[in-house]
Amino acid sequence: MPAVGRGAAPRGFTLIEMVVVLAILGLFLTIAIPRMTTSAKTRVRQSAQQLAQDLELTRTRALTTRSAVRVTFDPASRSYRPYLDFNRDSVFAQSQAENDSLRAFARHTLAAGVQFSRPGGVPDLPMLPGAGSITLVSNRIDFDARGLTTPFGSKGVLYLSDPSDATAIGAVSITAASGIRAWIYQGGVWQ
């Protein structure tokens, strides 16, 4: 038989225990929340890297399918879309069928807050002069079946920025030799 003694009343939490738990949770949140939010510079850098990877993927698809590809850029919607000349007629209708045949990606929108823009005072990328946020002719780039820009020697830059931070500036360059590279403007220098 159990011993009969003091009453075994259910025990709750003391005020001090609750204050300690709340203090620990508050400390955890002050450390974790800033790490979960992405800075404007990080969003621009990641968008530039993603755009460069997507362009390289599209160029590679041109090589593997031996078909021309086109990527169009729409500053208004902050997006870009690839097209594959799957019937090899050298004509881009920019149709849904041409977009679907690429299978790499349908339409990609830049990260939240990032847009195709070039803040005033930002110098040209080295060896790639041109005015505007997109220096490609007609806001597009074409790669032929050999993965070269077409018309031969086409080149340009896509500048990216986030208006919430004047120092969050990036770019993606496409050279005449079809080299694709992501850049970040930091400390007054393109890196």
C-alpha atoms as a PDB file:
ATOM      1  CA  MET A   1       0.000   0.000   0.000  1.00  0.00           C
ATOM      2  CA  PRO A   2       1.234   3.464  -0.781  1.00  0.00           C
ATOM      3  CA  ALA A   3       2.220   5.618   2.089  1.00  0.00           C
ATOM      4  CA  VAL A   4      -0.222   8.214   3.136  1.00  0.00           C
ATOM      5  CA  GLY A   5       1.335  11.526   3.800  1.00  0.00           C
ATOM      6  CA  ARG A   6       1.323  14.903   2.345  1.00  0.00           C
ATOM      7  CA  GLY A   7      -1.047  15.304  -0.547  1.00  0.00           C
ATOM      8  CA  ALA A   8       0.429  14.578  -3.967  1.00  0.00           C
ATOM      9  CA  ALA A   9      -1.077  17.597  -5.635  1.00  0.00           C
ATOM     10  CA  PRO A  10      -0.225  18.109  -9.342  1.00  0.00           C
ATOM     11  CA  ARG A  11       2.781  20.374  -9.732  1.00  0.00           C
ATOM     12  CA  GLY A  12       2.772  23.281 -12.262  1.00  0.00           C
ATOM     13  CA  PHE A  13       5.446  25.629 -13.553  1.00  0.00           C
ATOM     14  CA  THR A  14       6.735  28.382 -11.372  1.00  0.00           C
ATOM     15  CA  LEU A  15       6.890  31.932 -12.628  1.00  0.00           C
ATOM     16  CA  ILE A  16      10.702  31.808 -12.624  1.00  0.00           C
ATOM     17  CA  GLU A  17      10.750  28.671 -14.792  1.00  0.00           C
ATOM     18  CA  MET A  18       8.437  30.284 -17.337  1.00  0.00           C
ATOM     19  CA  VAL A  19      10.520  33.492 -17.464  1.00  0.00           C
ATOM     20  CA  VAL A  20      13.694  31.468 -18.070  1.00  0.00           C
ATOM     21  CA  VAL A  21      12.073  29.487 -20.921  1.00  0.00           C
ATOM     22  CA  LEU A  22      10.750  32.687 -22.523  1.00  0.00           C
ATOM     23  CA  ALA A  23      14.177  34.336 -22.236  1.00  0.00           C
ATOM     24  CA  ILE A  24      15.832  31.354 -23.939  1.00  0.00           C
ATOM     25  CA  LEU A  25      13.236  31.391 -26.749  1.00  0.00           C
ATOM     26  CA  GLY A  26      13.704  35.143 -27.203  1.00  0.00           C
ATOM     27  CA  LEU A  27      17.471  34.729 -27.446  1.00  0.00           C
ATOM     28  CA  PHE A  28      17.084  31.924 -29.980  1.00  0.00           C
ATOM     29  CA  LEU A  29      14.738  34.010 -32.141  1.00  0.00           C
ATOM     30  CA  THR A  30      17.045  37.048 -32.118  1.00  0.00           C
ATOM     31  CA  ILE A  31      19.827  34.824 -33.449  1.00  0.00           C
ATOM     32  CA  ALA A  32      17.782  32.735 -35.895  1.00  0.00           C
ATOM     33  CA  ILE A  33      15.507  35.292 -37.583  1.00  0.00           C
ATOM     34  CA  PRO A  34      18.232  37.488 -39.122  1.00  0.00           C
ATOM     35  CA  ARG A  35      19.875  34.360 -40.513  1.00  0.00           C
ATOM     36  CA  MET A  36      16.628  33.262 -42.152  1.00  0.00           C
ATOM     37  CA  THR A  37      16.111  36.527 -44.001  1.00  0.00           C
ATOM     38  CA  THR A  38      18.114  37.088 -47.159  1.00  0.00           C
ATOM     39  CA  SER A  39      19.858  40.394 -47.725  1.00  0.00           C
ATOM     40  CA  ALA A  40      19.403  42.360 -50.940  1.00  0.00           C
ATOM     41  CA  LYS A  41      23.055  41.747 -51.868  1.00  0.00           C
ATOM     42  CA  THR A  42      22.603  38.011 -51.432  1.00  0.00           C
ATOM     43  CA  ARG A  43      19.411  38.002 -53.539  1.00  0.00           C
ATOM     44  CA  VAL A  44      21.161  39.891 -56.344  1.00  0.00           C
ATOM     45  CA  ARG A  45      24.224  37.614 -56.197  1.00  0.00           C
ATOM     46  CA  GLN A  46      22.076  34.480 -56.210  1.00  0.00           C
ATOM     47  CA  SER A  47      19.935  35.812 -59.073  1.00  0.00           C
ATOM     48  CA  ALA A  48      23.048  36.582 -61.138  1.00  0.00           C
ATOM     49  CA  GLN A  49      24.440  33.114 -60.494  1.00  0.00           C
ATOM     50  CA  GLN A  50      21.104  31.464 -61.332  1.00  0.00           C
ATOM     51  CA  LEU A  51      20.763  33.464 -64.545  1.00  0.00           C
ATOM     52  CA  ALA A  52      24.317  32.544 -65.597  1.00  0.00           C
ATOM     53  CA  GLN A  53      23.609  28.862 -64.879  1.00  0.00           C
ATOM     54  CA  ASP A  54      20.335  28.988 -66.827  1.00  0.00           C
ATOM     55  CA  LEU A  55      22.066  30.598 -69.819  1.00  0.00           C
ATOM     56  CA  GLU A  56      24.814  27.999 -69.709  1.00  0.00           C
ATOM     57  CA  LEU A  57      22.214  25.228 -69.473  1.00  0.00           C
ATOM     58  CA  THR A  58      20.356  26.661 -72.469  1.00  0.00           C
ATOM     59  CA  ARG A  59      23.589  26.950 -74.451  1.00  0.00           C
ATOM     60  CA  THR A  60      24.446  23.341 -73.575  1.00  0.00           C
ATOM     61  CA  ARG A  61      20.991  22.260 -74.735  1.00  0.00           C
ATOM     62  CA  ALA A  62      21.707  23.899 -78.116  1.00  0.00           C
ATOM     63  CA  LEU A  63      24.874  21.810 -78.385  1.00  0.00           C
ATOM     64  CA  THR A  64      23.258  18.524 -77.359  1.00  0.00           C
ATOM     65  CA  THR A  65      20.215  18.871 -79.618  1.00  0.00           C
ATOM     66  CA  ARG A  66      22.130  20.527 -82.466  1.00  0.00           C
ATOM     67  CA  SER A  67      19.380  23.142 -82.590  1.00  0.00           C
ATOM     68  CA  ALA A  68      19.337  26.885 -82.115  1.00  0.00           C
ATOM     69  CA  VAL A  69      18.046  28.337 -78.847  1.00  0.00           C
ATOM     70  CA  ARG A  70      16.882  31.781 -77.844  1.00  0.00           C
ATOM     71  CA  VAL A  71      16.469  33.367 -74.425  1.00  0.00           C
ATOM     72  CA  THR A  72      14.296  36.464 -74.161  1.00  0.00           C
ATOM     73  CA  PHE A  73      14.380  38.888 -71.254  1.00  0.00           C
ATOM     74  CA  ASP A  74      11.367  40.871 -70.057  1.00  0.00           C
ATOM     75  CA  PRO A  75      12.331  43.703 -67.687  1.00  0.00           C
ATOM     76  CA  ALA A  76       8.687  44.547 -66.960  1.00  0.00           C
ATOM     77  CA  SER A  77       7.899  41.099 -65.522  1.00  0.00           C
ATOM     78  CA  ARG A  78      11.469  40.586 -64.202  1.00  0.00           C
ATOM     79  CA  SER A  79      11.657  37.271 -66.029  1.00  0.00           C
ATOM     80  CA  TYR A  80      13.332  35.394 -68.856  1.00  0.00           C
ATOM     81  CA  ARG A  81      12.206  32.537 -71.062  1.00  0.00           C
ATOM     82  CA  PRO A  82      14.101  30.087 -73.325  1.00  0.00           C
ATOM     83  CA  TYR A  83      12.996  28.700 -76.690  1.00  0.00           C
ATOM     84  CA  LEU A  84      14.366  25.761 -78.682  1.00  0.00           C
ATOM     85  CA  ASP A  85      14.110  25.637 -82.471  1.00  0.00           C
ATOM     86  CA  PHE A  86      13.033  21.984 -82.278  1.00  0.00           C
ATOM     87  CA  ASN A  87      11.964  21.769 -85.943  1.00  0.00           C
ATOM     88  CA  ARG A  88      15.260  23.361 -87.056  1.00  0.00           C
ATOM     89  CA  ASP A  89      13.620  25.830 -89.444  1.00  0.00           C
ATOM     90  CA  SER A  90      15.806  28.699 -88.117  1.00  0.00           C
ATOM     91  CA  VAL A  91      12.681  30.655 -87.220  1.00  0.00           C
ATOM     92  CA  PHE A  92      11.639  31.403 -83.664  1.00  0.00           C
ATOM     93  CA  ALA A  93       7.906  31.826 -83.259  1.00  0.00           C
ATOM     94  CA  GLN A  94       8.527  32.002 -79.502  1.00  0.00           C
ATOM     95  CA  SER A  95       5.621  29.606 -79.122  1.00  0.00           C
ATOM     96  CA  GLN A  96       4.705  27.480 -76.147  1.00  0.00           C
ATOM     97  CA  ALA A  97       5.820  24.401 -78.119  1.00  0.00           C
ATOM     98  CA  GLU A  98       9.312  25.909 -78.562  1.00  0.00           C
ATOM     99  CA  ASN A  99       9.391  26.761 -74.876  1.00  0.00           C
ATOM    100  CA  ASP A 100       8.168  23.319 -73.800  1.00  0.00           C
ATOM    101  CA  SER A 101      10.661  21.498 -76.011  1.00  0.00           C
ATOM    102  CA  LEU A 102      13.608  22.941 -74.114  1.00  0.00           C
ATOM    103  CA  ARG A 103      12.621  21.121 -70.919  1.00  0.00           C
ATOM    104  CA  ALA A 104      15.369  22.915 -69.004  1.00  0.00           C
ATOM    105  CA  PHE A 105      13.053  25.518 -67.550  1.00  0.00           C
ATOM    106  CA  ALA A 106       9.897  27.192 -68.747  1.00  0.00           C
ATOM    107  CA  ARG A 107      10.025  30.725 -67.435  1.00  0.00           C
ATOM    108  CA  HIS A 108      12.184  32.003 -64.664  1.00  0.00           C
ATOM    109  CA  THR A 109      11.416  35.058 -62.559  1.00  0.00           C
ATOM    110  CA  LEU A 110      14.155  36.900 -60.672  1.00  0.00           C
ATOM    111  CA  ALA A 111      14.180  36.719 -56.862  1.00  0.00           C
ATOM    112  CA  ALA A 112      11.837  38.994 -54.952  1.00  0.00           C
ATOM    113  CA  GLY A 113      13.002  42.599 -55.160  1.00  0.00           C
ATOM    114  CA  VAL A 114      15.619  41.914 -57.855  1.00  0.00           C
ATOM    115  CA  GLN A 115      15.067  43.534 -61.231  1.00  0.00           C
ATOM    116  CA  PHE A 116      16.832  44.136 -64.524  1.00  0.00           C
ATOM    117  CA  SER A 117      18.213  47.591 -63.810  1.00  0.00           C
ATOM    118  CA  ARG A 118      21.450  49.497 -63.667  1.00  0.00           C
ATOM    119  CA  PRO A 119      21.714  52.229 -61.056  1.00  0.00           C
ATOM    120  CA  GLY A 120      23.310  55.484 -62.169  1.00  0.00           C
ATOM    121  CA  GLY A 121      27.039  55.778 -61.724  1.00  0.00           C
ATOM    122  CA  VAL A 122      27.721  52.057 -62.134  1.00  0.00           C
ATOM    123  CA  PRO A 123      30.496  51.640 -64.717  1.00  0.00           C
ATOM    124  CA  ASP A 124      30.392  49.272 -67.686  1.00  0.00           C
ATOM    125  CA  LEU A 125      31.671  45.772 -67.217  1.00  0.00           C
ATOM    126  CA  PRO A 126      35.246  45.460 -68.500  1.00  0.00           C
ATOM    127  CA  MET A 127      35.356  45.070 -72.295  1.00  0.00           C
ATOM    128  CA  LEU A 128      31.535  45.158 -72.560  1.00  0.00           C
ATOM    129  CA  PRO A 129      30.385  48.760 -72.966  1.00  0.00           C
ATOM    130  CA  GLY A 130      26.757  49.622 -73.466  1.00  0.00           C
ATOM    131  CA  ALA A 131      23.972  51.692 -72.019  1.00  0.00           C
ATOM    132  CA  GLY A 132      20.888  50.401 -70.250  1.00  0.00           C
ATOM    133  CA  SER A 133      20.086  47.512 -67.974  1.00  0.00           C
ATOM    134  CA  ILE A 134      20.112  44.981 -70.824  1.00  0.00           C
ATOM    135  CA  THR A 135      22.682  45.657 -73.543  1.00  0.00           C
ATOM    136  CA  LEU A 136      21.600  42.740 -75.763  1.00  0.00           C
ATOM    137  CA  VAL A 137      19.916  43.589 -79.055  1.00  0.00           C
ATOM    138  CA  SER A 138      16.117  43.294 -78.689  1.00  0.00           C
ATOM    139  CA  ASN A 139      16.497  41.989 -75.115  1.00  0.00           C
ATOM    140  CA  ARG A 140      17.435  38.502 -76.270  1.00  0.00           C
ATOM    141  CA  ILE A 141      20.372  36.220 -76.953  1.00  0.00           C
ATOM    142  CA  ASP A 142      20.482  33.448 -79.549  1.00  0.00           C
ATOM    143  CA  PHE A 143      22.851  30.474 -79.600  1.00  0.00           C
ATOM    144  CA  ASP A 144      23.296  28.409 -82.764  1.00  0.00           C
ATOM    145  CA  ALA A 145      23.587  24.603 -82.941  1.00  0.00           C
ATOM    146  CA  ARG A 146      27.304  24.919 -82.093  1.00  0.00           C
ATOM    147  CA  GLY A 147      26.572  26.921 -78.940  1.00  0.00           C
ATOM    148  CA  LEU A 148      27.917  30.172 -80.389  1.00  0.00           C
ATOM    149  CA  THR A 149      26.111  33.478 -80.160  1.00  0.00           C
ATOM    150  CA  THR A 150      24.275  34.435 -83.290  1.00  0.00           C
ATOM    151  CA  PRO A 151      24.619  36.606 -85.219  1.00  0.00           C
ATOM    152  CA  PHE A 152      28.256  35.708 -84.753  1.00  0.00           C
ATOM    153  CA  GLY A 153      29.953  37.979 -82.245  1.00  0.00           C
ATOM    154  CA  SER A 154      26.789  39.004 -80.384  1.00  0.00           C
ATOM    155  CA  LYS A 155      27.524  39.985 -76.817  1.00  0.00           C
ATOM    156  CA  GLY A 156      25.993  41.929 -73.993  1.00  0.00           C
ATOM    157  CA  VAL A 157      25.294  42.379 -70.316  1.00  0.00           C
ATOM    158  CA  LEU A 158      22.261  41.914 -68.095  1.00  0.00           C
ATOM    159  CA  TYR A 159      22.491  44.227 -65.074  1.00  0.00           C
ATOM    160  CA  LEU A 160      20.617  43.309 -61.891  1.00  0.00           C
ATOM    161  CA  SER A 161      19.910  45.360 -58.787  1.00  0.00           C
ATOM    162  CA  ASP A 162      17.614  45.611 -55.801  1.00  0.00           C
ATOM    163  CA  PRO A 163      16.183  49.108 -55.207  1.00  0.00           C
ATOM    164  CA  SER A 164      15.983  48.466 -51.458  1.00  0.00           C
ATOM    165  CA  ASP A 165      19.812  48.541 -51.273  1.00  0.00           C
ATOM    166  CA  ALA A 166      21.798  50.850 -53.563  1.00  0.00           C
ATOM    167  CA  THR A 167      24.887  48.655 -53.116  1.00  0.00           C
ATOM    168  CA  ALA A 168      23.165  45.435 -54.256  1.00  0.00           C
ATOM    169  CA  ILE A 169      24.302  45.327 -57.887  1.00  0.00           C
ATOM    170  CA  GLY A 170      25.183  42.377 -60.092  1.00  0.00           C
ATOM    171  CA  ALA A 171      25.472  41.478 -63.746  1.00  0.00           C
ATOM    172  CA  VAL A 172      25.705  38.564 -66.146  1.00  0.00           C
ATOM    173  CA  SER A 173      27.921  38.933 -69.191  1.00  0.00           C
ATOM    174  CA  ILE A 174      27.788  37.049 -72.460  1.00  0.00           C
ATOM    175  CA  THR A 175      30.915  37.483 -74.562  1.00  0.00           C
ATOM    176  CA  ALA A 176      31.291  37.167 -78.334  1.00  0.00           C
ATOM    177  CA  ALA A 177      32.924  33.762 -77.707  1.00  0.00           C
ATOM    178  CA  SER A 178      29.772  32.659 -75.818  1.00  0.00           C
ATOM    179  CA  GLY A 179      31.422  32.933 -72.415  1.00  0.00           C
ATOM    180  CA  ILE A 180      28.886  33.437 -69.642  1.00  0.00           C
ATOM    181  CA  ARG A 181      29.838  34.880 -66.267  1.00  0.00           C
ATOM    182  CA  ALA A 182      28.108  36.285 -63.179  1.00  0.00           C
ATOM    183  CA  TRP A 183      29.562  39.478 -61.667  1.00  0.00           C
ATOM    184  CA  ILE A 184      29.060  41.440 -58.437  1.00  0.00           C
ATOM    185  CA  TYR A 185      29.760  45.164 -58.071  1.00  0.00           C
ATOM    186  CA  GLN A 186      31.449  45.594 -54.701  1.00  0.00           C
ATOM    187  CA  GLY A 187      33.584  48.398 -53.353  1.00  0.00           C
ATOM    188  CA  GLY A 188      33.464  50.261 -56.666  1.00  0.00           C
ATOM    189  CA  VAL A 189      34.883  47.297 -58.612  1.00  0.00           C
ATOM    190  CA  TRP A 190      33.328  44.525 -60.708  1.00  0.00           C
ATOM    191  CA  GLN A 191      34.291  41.134 -59.279  1.00  0.00           C
END
